[in-house]
Amino acid sequence: MKRLLITGGSGFLGSRLTQLASAPPPGPLPRSDGHTPKEGEGELEVYPTFFATPIAHSNAIRLDLRDRAWVEKTVRELGPDAIIHQAVSNRTDEHVAAIVPAARHVADAAIDAHARLIHVSTDMVFDGENPPYTEESPTAPVNPYGAAKAFAEGLVASMMPEALIVRPSLIYGFDPIDKQTGWLVDGAKRGETVRLFVDEFRCPIWVDTLSNALLELAGTKQAGLLNIGGPRLNRWDYGMKMLACLGLTPGPNVIRSTVAESGMKRPADLTLDVSKAKRLLRTQLLAVEEAFEVFRHQ
């Protein structure tokens, strides 16, 4: 793999994925001319895409993934060896509506370009009623975002059986922090009531861990489905760990609660079976505390 196209380069995962992919190999040696490679001069030629939010990268490409002709033209002219498709977000109804057409257009273009395709999905394709979920577990989404992602999974698998579909859990980061952690930190600092559920379980994954795993997988021929996540945590314990890592002490406004008390319909337990990923990957699937120690020493 030499040339890598990353969709959604302005997003939380996409921006970190682009940064790590663009970095030179660890401990780069000066060339014969005395030049030491810098970021953007690594072994990969990295091309991140964006749509509404420009990104500071020399190879950034503006691209509307809803536009089939635009996607096909971009991929045809670029000729990537691999594509990591991890757009689109769940922030608005418009974004959710773009998930399926974007997946179709990227898969079509990948087929025509004979490019390796990694399609990033989510654990939200499950209903949370029958954990732990393996790669063979049937999907049963309970919200429009999960339904769109599940449909996109099936679409990509049928169009391109050689593609790899990765299902990560909740993605977090320390600097910058992710949107969910930002909500928790802002609420805690402002003294607003923040309710964290003790009966909702996920397998949070550090953005660096997921990025490194995706880059590792892009250089393989692994196909089908793959779950990627860290150790199982309920939302309360996860929130407490994140606050501790960030040096914050929760006040009385941060409350233990339950999904039942909230009246919301949410998947209760999205525990992923990640045994397959542990066998396949050199990248370690770190717990929150382990990830913070690595981050702290970087």
C-alpha atoms as a PDB file:
ATOM      1  CA  MET A   1       0.000   0.000   0.000  1.00  0.00           C
ATOM      2  CA  LYS A   2       1.443   3.368  -1.051  1.00  0.00           C
ATOM      3  CA  ARG A   3      -1.459   5.721  -1.666  1.00  0.00           C
ATOM      4  CA  LEU A   4      -4.249   5.963   0.918  1.00  0.00           C
ATOM      5  CA  LEU A   5      -7.559   7.834   0.611  1.00  0.00           C
ATOM      6  CA  ILE A   6      -9.322   8.646   3.888  1.00  0.00           C
ATOM      7  CA  THR A   7     -12.891   9.911   3.768  1.00  0.00           C
ATOM      8  CA  GLY A   8     -14.136  12.245   6.485  1.00  0.00           C
ATOM      9  CA  GLY A   9     -10.716  13.726   7.211  1.00  0.00           C
ATOM     10  CA  SER A  10     -12.200  16.647   9.162  1.00  0.00           C
ATOM     11  CA  GLY A  11     -13.943  14.420  11.712  1.00  0.00           C
ATOM     12  CA  PHE A  12     -12.675  13.208  15.087  1.00  0.00           C
ATOM     13  CA  LEU A  13     -11.467   9.813  13.879  1.00  0.00           C
ATOM     14  CA  GLY A  14     -10.596  10.989  10.377  1.00  0.00           C
ATOM     15  CA  SER A  15      -8.340  13.809  11.541  1.00  0.00           C
ATOM     16  CA  ARG A  16      -6.335  11.587  13.890  1.00  0.00           C
ATOM     17  CA  LEU A  17      -6.193   8.791  11.332  1.00  0.00           C
ATOM     18  CA  THR A  18      -4.835  11.271   8.787  1.00  0.00           C
ATOM     19  CA  GLN A  19      -2.268  12.596  11.241  1.00  0.00           C
ATOM     20  CA  LEU A  20      -0.942   9.147  12.137  1.00  0.00           C
ATOM     21  CA  ALA A  21      -0.951   7.942   8.541  1.00  0.00           C
ATOM     22  CA  SER A  22       0.938  11.061   7.424  1.00  0.00           C
ATOM     23  CA  ALA A  23       3.621  10.782  10.095  1.00  0.00           C
ATOM     24  CA  PRO A  24       7.050   9.398   9.234  1.00  0.00           C
ATOM     25  CA  PRO A  25       7.943   5.933  10.535  1.00  0.00           C
ATOM     26  CA  PRO A  26       9.168   5.882  14.179  1.00  0.00           C
ATOM     27  CA  GLY A  27      12.726   7.054  14.533  1.00  0.00           C
ATOM     28  CA  PRO A  28      13.272   8.193  10.940  1.00  0.00           C
ATOM     29  CA  LEU A  29      16.861   8.233   9.766  1.00  0.00           C
ATOM     30  CA  PRO A  30      18.173  11.192   7.774  1.00  0.00           C
ATOM     31  CA  ARG A  31      18.484  10.565   4.056  1.00  0.00           C
ATOM     32  CA  SER A  32      21.808  10.693   2.298  1.00  0.00           C
ATOM     33  CA  ASP A  33      21.208  14.407   1.664  1.00  0.00           C
ATOM     34  CA  GLY A  34      20.858  15.040   5.400  1.00  0.00           C
ATOM     35  CA  HIS A  35      17.067  15.585   5.272  1.00  0.00           C
ATOM     36  CA  THR A  36      15.035  14.011   8.088  1.00  0.00           C
ATOM     37  CA  PRO A  37      11.431  13.190   7.056  1.00  0.00           C
ATOM     38  CA  LYS A  38       8.719  15.256   8.718  1.00  0.00           C
ATOM     39  CA  GLU A  39       4.967  14.778   9.047  1.00  0.00           C
ATOM     40  CA  GLY A  40       3.424  14.283   5.645  1.00  0.00           C
ATOM     41  CA  GLU A  41       6.631  12.714   4.319  1.00  0.00           C
ATOM     42  CA  GLY A  42       6.020   9.179   5.580  1.00  0.00           C
ATOM     43  CA  GLU A  43       5.940   5.986   3.577  1.00  0.00           C
ATOM     44  CA  LEU A  44       2.308   6.608   2.643  1.00  0.00           C
ATOM     45  CA  GLU A  45       0.841   9.206   0.339  1.00  0.00           C
ATOM     46  CA  VAL A  46      -2.217  10.229   2.352  1.00  0.00           C
ATOM     47  CA  TYR A  47      -5.227  11.993   0.839  1.00  0.00           C
ATOM     48  CA  PRO A  48      -7.920  13.004   3.356  1.00  0.00           C
ATOM     49  CA  THR A  49     -11.279  14.263   2.115  1.00  0.00           C
ATOM     50  CA  PHE A  50     -13.550  16.910   3.590  1.00  0.00           C
ATOM     51  CA  PHE A  51     -16.777  18.590   2.572  1.00  0.00           C
ATOM     52  CA  ALA A  52     -17.926  21.518   4.745  1.00  0.00           C
ATOM     53  CA  THR A  53     -14.898  21.932   7.045  1.00  0.00           C
ATOM     54  CA  PRO A  54     -11.527  22.523   5.320  1.00  0.00           C
ATOM     55  CA  ILE A  55      -8.527  20.715   6.763  1.00  0.00           C
ATOM     56  CA  ALA A  56      -4.883  21.768   6.936  1.00  0.00           C
ATOM     57  CA  HIS A  57      -3.245  19.021   4.930  1.00  0.00           C
ATOM     58  CA  SER A  58      -1.257  19.423   1.735  1.00  0.00           C
ATOM     59  CA  ASN A  59      -3.172  16.595   0.027  1.00  0.00           C
ATOM     60  CA  ALA A  60      -6.662  17.475   1.290  1.00  0.00           C
ATOM     61  CA  ILE A  61      -9.459  16.902  -1.236  1.00  0.00           C
ATOM     62  CA  ARG A  62     -12.902  18.485  -1.079  1.00  0.00           C
ATOM     63  CA  LEU A  63     -15.485  15.827  -1.862  1.00  0.00           C
ATOM     64  CA  ASP A  64     -19.250  15.411  -1.507  1.00  0.00           C
ATOM     65  CA  LEU A  65     -19.733  11.691  -0.936  1.00  0.00           C
ATOM     66  CA  ARG A  66     -23.401  12.001  -1.923  1.00  0.00           C
ATOM     67  CA  ASP A  67     -22.357  12.880  -5.460  1.00  0.00           C
ATOM     68  CA  ARG A  68     -21.623   9.637  -7.285  1.00  0.00           C
ATOM     69  CA  ALA A  69     -19.930  11.219 -10.298  1.00  0.00           C
ATOM     70  CA  TRP A  70     -17.730  13.375  -8.068  1.00  0.00           C
ATOM     71  CA  VAL A  71     -16.654  10.362  -5.988  1.00  0.00           C
ATOM     72  CA  GLU A  72     -15.940   8.222  -9.046  1.00  0.00           C
ATOM     73  CA  LYS A  73     -13.933  10.988 -10.751  1.00  0.00           C
ATOM     74  CA  THR A  74     -11.882  11.670  -7.616  1.00  0.00           C
ATOM     75  CA  VAL A  75     -11.013   8.025  -7.013  1.00  0.00           C
ATOM     76  CA  ARG A  76     -10.327   7.328 -10.678  1.00  0.00           C
ATOM     77  CA  GLU A  77      -7.911  10.258 -10.988  1.00  0.00           C
ATOM     78  CA  LEU A  78      -6.206   9.593  -7.642  1.00  0.00           C
ATOM     79  CA  GLY A  79      -5.844   5.830  -8.082  1.00  0.00           C
ATOM     80  CA  PRO A  80      -5.491   4.923  -4.386  1.00  0.00           C
ATOM     81  CA  ASP A  81      -4.189   1.534  -3.303  1.00  0.00           C
ATOM     82  CA  ALA A  82      -6.537   1.593  -0.326  1.00  0.00           C
ATOM     83  CA  ILE A  83      -9.544   3.558   0.922  1.00  0.00           C
ATOM     84  CA  ILE A  84     -10.574   3.888   4.570  1.00  0.00           C
ATOM     85  CA  HIS A  85     -14.174   5.071   4.505  1.00  0.00           C
ATOM     86  CA  GLN A  86     -15.199   6.318   7.944  1.00  0.00           C
ATOM     87  CA  ALA A  87     -17.529   9.190   7.098  1.00  0.00           C
ATOM     88  CA  VAL A  88     -20.476   9.974   7.753  1.00  0.00           C
ATOM     89  CA  SER A  89     -21.427  11.176  11.269  1.00  0.00           C
ATOM     90  CA  ASN A  90     -24.725  10.936  13.159  1.00  0.00           C
ATOM     91  CA  ARG A  91     -24.888  14.607  14.129  1.00  0.00           C
ATOM     92  CA  THR A  92     -27.904  15.541  12.018  1.00  0.00           C
ATOM     93  CA  ASP A  93     -30.678  13.841  10.067  1.00  0.00           C
ATOM     94  CA  GLU A  94     -28.979  15.065   6.890  1.00  0.00           C
ATOM     95  CA  HIS A  95     -25.759  13.295   7.861  1.00  0.00           C
ATOM     96  CA  VAL A  96     -27.607  10.064   8.654  1.00  0.00           C
ATOM     97  CA  ALA A  97     -29.393  10.235   5.304  1.00  0.00           C
ATOM     98  CA  ALA A  98     -25.986  10.421   3.565  1.00  0.00           C
ATOM     99  CA  ILE A  99     -24.606   7.220   5.127  1.00  0.00           C
ATOM    100  CA  VAL A 100     -26.008   4.731   2.628  1.00  0.00           C
ATOM    101  CA  PRO A 101     -25.432   6.674  -0.623  1.00  0.00           C
ATOM    102  CA  ALA A 102     -21.890   7.542   0.507  1.00  0.00           C
ATOM    103  CA  ALA A 103     -21.127   3.881   1.183  1.00  0.00           C
ATOM    104  CA  ARG A 104     -22.527   2.860  -2.196  1.00  0.00           C
ATOM    105  CA  HIS A 105     -20.552   5.497  -4.095  1.00  0.00           C
ATOM    106  CA  VAL A 106     -17.273   4.735  -2.306  1.00  0.00           C
ATOM    107  CA  ALA A 107     -17.657   0.983  -2.824  1.00  0.00           C
ATOM    108  CA  ASP A 108     -18.463   1.483  -6.517  1.00  0.00           C
ATOM    109  CA  ALA A 109     -15.402   3.660  -6.955  1.00  0.00           C
ATOM    110  CA  ALA A 110     -13.184   1.227  -5.034  1.00  0.00           C
ATOM    111  CA  ILE A 111     -14.292  -1.623  -7.271  1.00  0.00           C
ATOM    112  CA  ASP A 112     -13.513   0.344 -10.423  1.00  0.00           C
ATOM    113  CA  ALA A 113     -10.115   1.416  -9.067  1.00  0.00           C
ATOM    114  CA  HIS A 114      -9.225  -2.081  -7.743  1.00  0.00           C
ATOM    115  CA  ALA A 115      -8.574  -0.439  -4.376  1.00  0.00           C
ATOM    116  CA  ARG A 116      -8.546  -2.107  -0.974  1.00  0.00           C
ATOM    117  CA  LEU A 117     -11.616  -0.914   0.975  1.00  0.00           C
ATOM    118  CA  ILE A 118     -12.055  -0.692   4.724  1.00  0.00           C
ATOM    119  CA  HIS A 119     -15.549   0.436   5.674  1.00  0.00           C
ATOM    120  CA  VAL A 120     -15.929   1.704   9.259  1.00  0.00           C
ATOM    121  CA  SER A 121     -19.281   0.883  10.833  1.00  0.00           C
ATOM    122  CA  THR A 122     -20.402   0.938  14.503  1.00  0.00           C
ATOM    123  CA  ASP A 123     -21.576  -1.247  17.385  1.00  0.00           C
ATOM    124  CA  MET A 124     -24.884   0.654  17.126  1.00  0.00           C
ATOM    125  CA  VAL A 125     -26.016  -1.854  14.495  1.00  0.00           C
ATOM    126  CA  PHE A 126     -27.064  -4.043  17.470  1.00  0.00           C
ATOM    127  CA  ASP A 127     -30.007  -3.683  19.863  1.00  0.00           C
ATOM    128  CA  GLY A 128     -28.115  -4.330  23.110  1.00  0.00           C
ATOM    129  CA  GLU A 129     -30.352  -7.231  24.121  1.00  0.00           C
ATOM    130  CA  ASN A 130     -28.120 -10.227  23.341  1.00  0.00           C
ATOM    131  CA  PRO A 131     -24.483  -9.480  24.213  1.00  0.00           C
ATOM    132  CA  PRO A 132     -21.694 -10.223  23.683  1.00  0.00           C
ATOM    133  CA  TYR A 133     -21.835  -9.600  19.947  1.00  0.00           C
ATOM    134  CA  THR A 134     -19.558 -11.515  17.601  1.00  0.00           C
ATOM    135  CA  GLU A 135     -18.950 -10.774  13.941  1.00  0.00           C
ATOM    136  CA  GLU A 136     -21.637 -13.354  13.128  1.00  0.00           C
ATOM    137  CA  SER A 137     -24.340 -11.842  15.362  1.00  0.00           C
ATOM    138  CA  PRO A 138     -27.388 -10.593  13.421  1.00  0.00           C
ATOM    139  CA  THR A 139     -27.848  -6.833  13.318  1.00  0.00           C
ATOM    140  CA  ALA A 140     -30.915  -5.316  15.008  1.00  0.00           C
ATOM    141  CA  PRO A 141     -30.580  -1.511  15.190  1.00  0.00           C
ATOM    142  CA  VAL A 142     -32.933   0.536  17.362  1.00  0.00           C
ATOM    143  CA  ASN A 143     -32.373   4.017  15.900  1.00  0.00           C
ATOM    144  CA  PRO A 144     -32.055   5.586  12.426  1.00  0.00           C
ATOM    145  CA  TYR A 145     -28.268   5.911  12.669  1.00  0.00           C
ATOM    146  CA  GLY A 146     -27.822   2.236  13.526  1.00  0.00           C
ATOM    147  CA  ALA A 147     -30.289   1.245  10.809  1.00  0.00           C
ATOM    148  CA  ALA A 148     -28.393   3.245   8.170  1.00  0.00           C
ATOM    149  CA  LYS A 149     -25.056   1.795   9.244  1.00  0.00           C
ATOM    150  CA  ALA A 150     -26.450  -1.754   9.224  1.00  0.00           C
ATOM    151  CA  PHE A 151     -27.873  -1.263   5.725  1.00  0.00           C
ATOM    152  CA  ALA A 152     -24.538   0.173   4.555  1.00  0.00           C
ATOM    153  CA  GLU A 153     -22.723  -2.864   5.961  1.00  0.00           C
ATOM    154  CA  GLY A 154     -24.914  -5.220   3.956  1.00  0.00           C
ATOM    155  CA  LEU A 155     -24.553  -3.085   0.852  1.00  0.00           C
ATOM    156  CA  VAL A 156     -20.745  -3.014   0.995  1.00  0.00           C
ATOM    157  CA  ALA A 157     -20.528  -6.743   1.757  1.00  0.00           C
ATOM    158  CA  SER A 158     -22.725  -7.613  -1.219  1.00  0.00           C
ATOM    159  CA  MET A 159     -20.975  -5.236  -3.625  1.00  0.00           C
ATOM    160  CA  MET A 160     -17.426  -6.016  -2.538  1.00  0.00           C
ATOM    161  CA  PRO A 161     -16.953  -9.278  -0.587  1.00  0.00           C
ATOM    162  CA  GLU A 162     -13.212  -8.631  -0.396  1.00  0.00           C
ATOM    163  CA  ALA A 163     -13.799  -5.430   1.617  1.00  0.00           C
ATOM    164  CA  LEU A 164     -13.286  -5.309   5.386  1.00  0.00           C
ATOM    165  CA  ILE A 165     -16.063  -3.891   7.570  1.00  0.00           C
ATOM    166  CA  VAL A 166     -14.826  -2.734  10.976  1.00  0.00           C
ATOM    167  CA  ARG A 167     -17.231  -2.231  13.892  1.00  0.00           C
ATOM    168  CA  PRO A 168     -15.704  -0.038  16.604  1.00  0.00           C
ATOM    169  CA  SER A 169     -17.366   0.889  19.868  1.00  0.00           C
ATOM    170  CA  LEU A 170     -17.414   4.345  21.493  1.00  0.00           C
ATOM    171  CA  ILE A 171     -14.354   6.300  20.301  1.00  0.00           C
ATOM    172  CA  TYR A 172     -12.596   8.589  22.801  1.00  0.00           C
ATOM    173  CA  GLY A 173      -9.569  10.849  22.962  1.00  0.00           C
ATOM    174  CA  PHE A 174      -7.633  12.957  25.445  1.00  0.00           C
ATOM    175  CA  ASP A 175      -6.339  15.879  23.357  1.00  0.00           C
ATOM    176  CA  PRO A 176      -8.530  16.793  21.716  1.00  0.00           C
ATOM    177  CA  ILE A 177     -11.249  15.116  23.706  1.00  0.00           C
ATOM    178  CA  ASP A 178     -14.142  13.494  21.904  1.00  0.00           C
ATOM    179  CA  LYS A 179     -17.627  14.978  21.713  1.00  0.00           C
ATOM    180  CA  GLN A 180     -19.100  12.701  24.408  1.00  0.00           C
ATOM    181  CA  THR A 181     -16.299  13.444  26.869  1.00  0.00           C
ATOM    182  CA  GLY A 182     -16.568  17.127  26.008  1.00  0.00           C
ATOM    183  CA  TRP A 183     -20.253  17.045  26.975  1.00  0.00           C
ATOM    184  CA  LEU A 184     -19.358  15.416  30.291  1.00  0.00           C
ATOM    185  CA  VAL A 185     -16.508  17.807  31.069  1.00  0.00           C
ATOM    186  CA  ASP A 186     -18.473  20.933  30.143  1.00  0.00           C
ATOM    187  CA  GLY A 187     -21.480  19.864  32.192  1.00  0.00           C
ATOM    188  CA  ALA A 188     -19.351  18.951  35.191  1.00  0.00           C
ATOM    189  CA  LYS A 189     -17.497  22.289  35.103  1.00  0.00           C
ATOM    190  CA  ARG A 190     -20.679  24.356  34.711  1.00  0.00           C
ATOM    191  CA  GLY A 191     -22.420  22.578  37.578  1.00  0.00           C
ATOM    192  CA  GLU A 192     -25.157  21.246  35.318  1.00  0.00           C
ATOM    193  CA  THR A 193     -26.800  17.917  36.122  1.00  0.00           C
ATOM    194  CA  VAL A 194     -25.016  15.168  34.240  1.00  0.00           C
ATOM    195  CA  ARG A 195     -26.530  11.694  34.374  1.00  0.00           C
ATOM    196  CA  LEU A 196     -24.345   8.696  33.584  1.00  0.00           C
ATOM    197  CA  PHE A 197     -25.986   5.323  33.220  1.00  0.00           C
ATOM    198  CA  VAL A 198     -24.830   2.301  35.202  1.00  0.00           C
ATOM    199  CA  ASP A 199     -26.913  -0.086  33.078  1.00  0.00           C
ATOM    200  CA  GLU A 200     -25.590   0.896  29.633  1.00  0.00           C
ATOM    201  CA  PHE A 201     -22.424  -0.889  28.522  1.00  0.00           C
ATOM    202  CA  ARG A 202     -19.962  -0.201  25.715  1.00  0.00           C
ATOM    203  CA  CYS A 203     -16.380  -1.178  24.842  1.00  0.00           C
ATOM    204  CA  PRO A 204     -14.684   2.256  24.519  1.00  0.00           C
ATOM    205  CA  ILE A 205     -11.731   2.422  22.129  1.00  0.00           C
ATOM    206  CA  TRP A 206      -8.993   5.086  22.089  1.00  0.00           C
ATOM    207  CA  VAL A 207      -8.883   6.971  18.799  1.00  0.00           C
ATOM    208  CA  ASP A 208      -5.152   6.230  18.438  1.00  0.00           C
ATOM    209  CA  THR A 209      -5.713   2.509  18.962  1.00  0.00           C
ATOM    210  CA  LEU A 210      -8.474   2.426  16.364  1.00  0.00           C
ATOM    211  CA  SER A 211      -6.463   4.540  13.909  1.00  0.00           C
ATOM    212  CA  ASN A 212      -3.401   2.314  14.209  1.00  0.00           C
ATOM    213  CA  ALA A 213      -5.553  -0.800  13.817  1.00  0.00           C
ATOM    214  CA  LEU A 214      -7.181   0.585  10.660  1.00  0.00           C
ATOM    215  CA  LEU A 215      -3.806   1.462   9.159  1.00  0.00           C
ATOM    216  CA  GLU A 216      -2.493  -1.986  10.004  1.00  0.00           C
ATOM    217  CA  LEU A 217      -5.543  -3.639   8.429  1.00  0.00           C
ATOM    218  CA  ALA A 218      -5.313  -1.478   5.309  1.00  0.00           C
ATOM    219  CA  GLY A 219      -2.092  -3.255   4.482  1.00  0.00           C
ATOM    220  CA  THR A 220      -3.667  -6.715   4.716  1.00  0.00           C
ATOM    221  CA  LYS A 221      -6.195  -8.702   2.706  1.00  0.00           C
ATOM    222  CA  GLN A 222      -8.444  -9.376   5.693  1.00  0.00           C
ATOM    223  CA  ALA A 223     -12.095  -9.337   4.572  1.00  0.00           C
ATOM    224  CA  GLY A 224     -15.532  -9.660   6.137  1.00  0.00           C
ATOM    225  CA  LEU A 225     -16.425  -8.224   9.544  1.00  0.00           C
ATOM    226  CA  LEU A 226     -14.231  -7.301  12.489  1.00  0.00           C
ATOM    227  CA  ASN A 227     -15.189  -5.960  15.923  1.00  0.00           C
ATOM    228  CA  ILE A 228     -12.732  -3.551  17.576  1.00  0.00           C
ATOM    229  CA  GLY A 229     -13.173  -2.297  21.122  1.00  0.00           C
ATOM    230  CA  GLY A 230     -11.593  -2.067  24.538  1.00  0.00           C
ATOM    231  CA  PRO A 231     -12.703  -3.674  27.817  1.00  0.00           C
ATOM    232  CA  ARG A 232     -16.426  -3.505  28.676  1.00  0.00           C
ATOM    233  CA  LEU A 233     -17.489  -0.560  30.849  1.00  0.00           C
ATOM    234  CA  ASN A 234     -20.784   0.962  31.886  1.00  0.00           C
ATOM    235  CA  ARG A 235     -21.211   4.648  31.107  1.00  0.00           C
ATOM    236  CA  TRP A 236     -20.745   5.698  34.748  1.00  0.00           C
ATOM    237  CA  ASP A 237     -17.440   3.863  35.196  1.00  0.00           C
ATOM    238  CA  TYR A 238     -16.248   5.030  31.791  1.00  0.00           C
ATOM    239  CA  GLY A 239     -17.094   8.647  32.641  1.00  0.00           C
ATOM    240  CA  MET A 240     -15.294   8.442  35.987  1.00  0.00           C
ATOM    241  CA  LYS A 241     -12.193   7.012  34.329  1.00  0.00           C
ATOM    242  CA  MET A 242     -12.143   9.766  31.702  1.00  0.00           C
ATOM    243  CA  LEU A 243     -12.551  12.524  34.291  1.00  0.00           C
ATOM    244  CA  ALA A 244      -9.747  10.996  36.382  1.00  0.00           C
ATOM    245  CA  CYS A 245      -7.434  10.860  33.360  1.00  0.00           C
ATOM    246  CA  LEU A 246      -8.164  14.519  32.654  1.00  0.00           C
ATOM    247  CA  GLY A 247      -7.460  15.483  36.284  1.00  0.00           C
ATOM    248  CA  LEU A 248     -11.051  16.410  37.094  1.00  0.00           C
ATOM    249  CA  THR A 249     -13.058  15.519  40.204  1.00  0.00           C
ATOM    250  CA  PRO A 250     -16.808  15.164  39.624  1.00  0.00           C
ATOM    251  CA  GLY A 251     -19.093  17.220  41.850  1.00  0.00           C
ATOM    252  CA  PRO A 252     -22.540  16.310  43.160  1.00  0.00           C
ATOM    253  CA  ASN A 253     -24.042  17.385  39.832  1.00  0.00           C
ATOM    254  CA  VAL A 254     -22.608  14.230  38.178  1.00  0.00           C
ATOM    255  CA  ILE A 255     -25.198  11.601  39.030  1.00  0.00           C
ATOM    256  CA  ARG A 256     -25.418   7.833  38.725  1.00  0.00           C
ATOM    257  CA  SER A 257     -28.568   6.969  36.814  1.00  0.00           C
ATOM    258  CA  THR A 258     -30.174   4.282  34.647  1.00  0.00           C
ATOM    259  CA  VAL A 259     -31.558   4.149  31.134  1.00  0.00           C
ATOM    260  CA  ALA A 260     -34.905   3.103  32.614  1.00  0.00           C
ATOM    261  CA  GLU A 261     -35.034   6.247  34.757  1.00  0.00           C
ATOM    262  CA  SER A 262     -34.253   8.424  31.754  1.00  0.00           C
ATOM    263  CA  GLY A 263     -37.194   7.152  29.721  1.00  0.00           C
ATOM    264  CA  MET A 264     -34.954   6.969  26.644  1.00  0.00           C
ATOM    265  CA  LYS A 265     -34.735   4.015  24.279  1.00  0.00           C
ATOM    266  CA  ARG A 266     -31.063   3.089  24.030  1.00  0.00           C
ATOM    267  CA  PRO A 267     -29.200  -0.182  23.505  1.00  0.00           C
ATOM    268  CA  ALA A 268     -28.471  -1.481  26.995  1.00  0.00           C
ATOM    269  CA  ASP A 269     -25.411  -3.653  26.454  1.00  0.00           C
ATOM    270  CA  LEU A 270     -23.320  -3.395  23.288  1.00  0.00           C
ATOM    271  CA  THR A 271     -20.463  -5.551  24.541  1.00  0.00           C
ATOM    272  CA  LEU A 272     -18.365  -6.683  21.588  1.00  0.00           C
ATOM    273  CA  ASP A 273     -16.513  -9.965  21.343  1.00  0.00           C
ATOM    274  CA  VAL A 274     -13.103  -8.758  20.123  1.00  0.00           C
ATOM    275  CA  SER A 275     -11.280 -12.081  20.312  1.00  0.00           C
ATOM    276  CA  LYS A 276     -10.881 -12.160  16.530  1.00  0.00           C
ATOM    277  CA  ALA A 277      -9.265  -8.703  16.489  1.00  0.00           C
ATOM    278  CA  LYS A 278      -6.874  -9.706  19.272  1.00  0.00           C
ATOM    279  CA  ARG A 279      -5.745 -12.686  17.207  1.00  0.00           C
ATOM    280  CA  LEU A 280      -5.313 -10.683  14.001  1.00  0.00           C
ATOM    281  CA  LEU A 281      -3.830  -7.388  15.169  1.00  0.00           C
ATOM    282  CA  ARG A 282      -0.393  -6.370  16.334  1.00  0.00           C
ATOM    283  CA  THR A 283      -2.055  -3.193  17.651  1.00  0.00           C
ATOM    284  CA  GLN A 284      -3.035  -3.725  21.297  1.00  0.00           C
ATOM    285  CA  LEU A 285      -6.626  -2.975  22.341  1.00  0.00           C
ATOM    286  CA  LEU A 286      -5.922  -0.837  25.380  1.00  0.00           C
ATOM    287  CA  ALA A 287      -8.076  -0.088  28.418  1.00  0.00           C
ATOM    288  CA  VAL A 288      -8.738   3.583  29.226  1.00  0.00           C
ATOM    289  CA  GLU A 289      -6.003   3.784  31.879  1.00  0.00           C
ATOM    290  CA  GLU A 290      -3.481   2.066  29.592  1.00  0.00           C
ATOM    291  CA  ALA A 291      -4.336   4.399  26.731  1.00  0.00           C
ATOM    292  CA  PHE A 292      -3.862   7.436  28.969  1.00  0.00           C
ATOM    293  CA  GLU A 293      -0.442   6.227  30.081  1.00  0.00           C
ATOM    294  CA  VAL A 294       0.638   5.848  26.453  1.00  0.00           C
ATOM    295  CA  PHE A 295      -0.814   9.279  25.637  1.00  0.00           C
ATOM    296  CA  ARG A 296       0.906  10.853  28.643  1.00  0.00           C
ATOM    297  CA  HIS A 297       4.312   9.568  27.562  1.00  0.00           C
ATOM    298  CA  GLN A 298       3.998  10.437  23.880  1.00  0.00           C
END
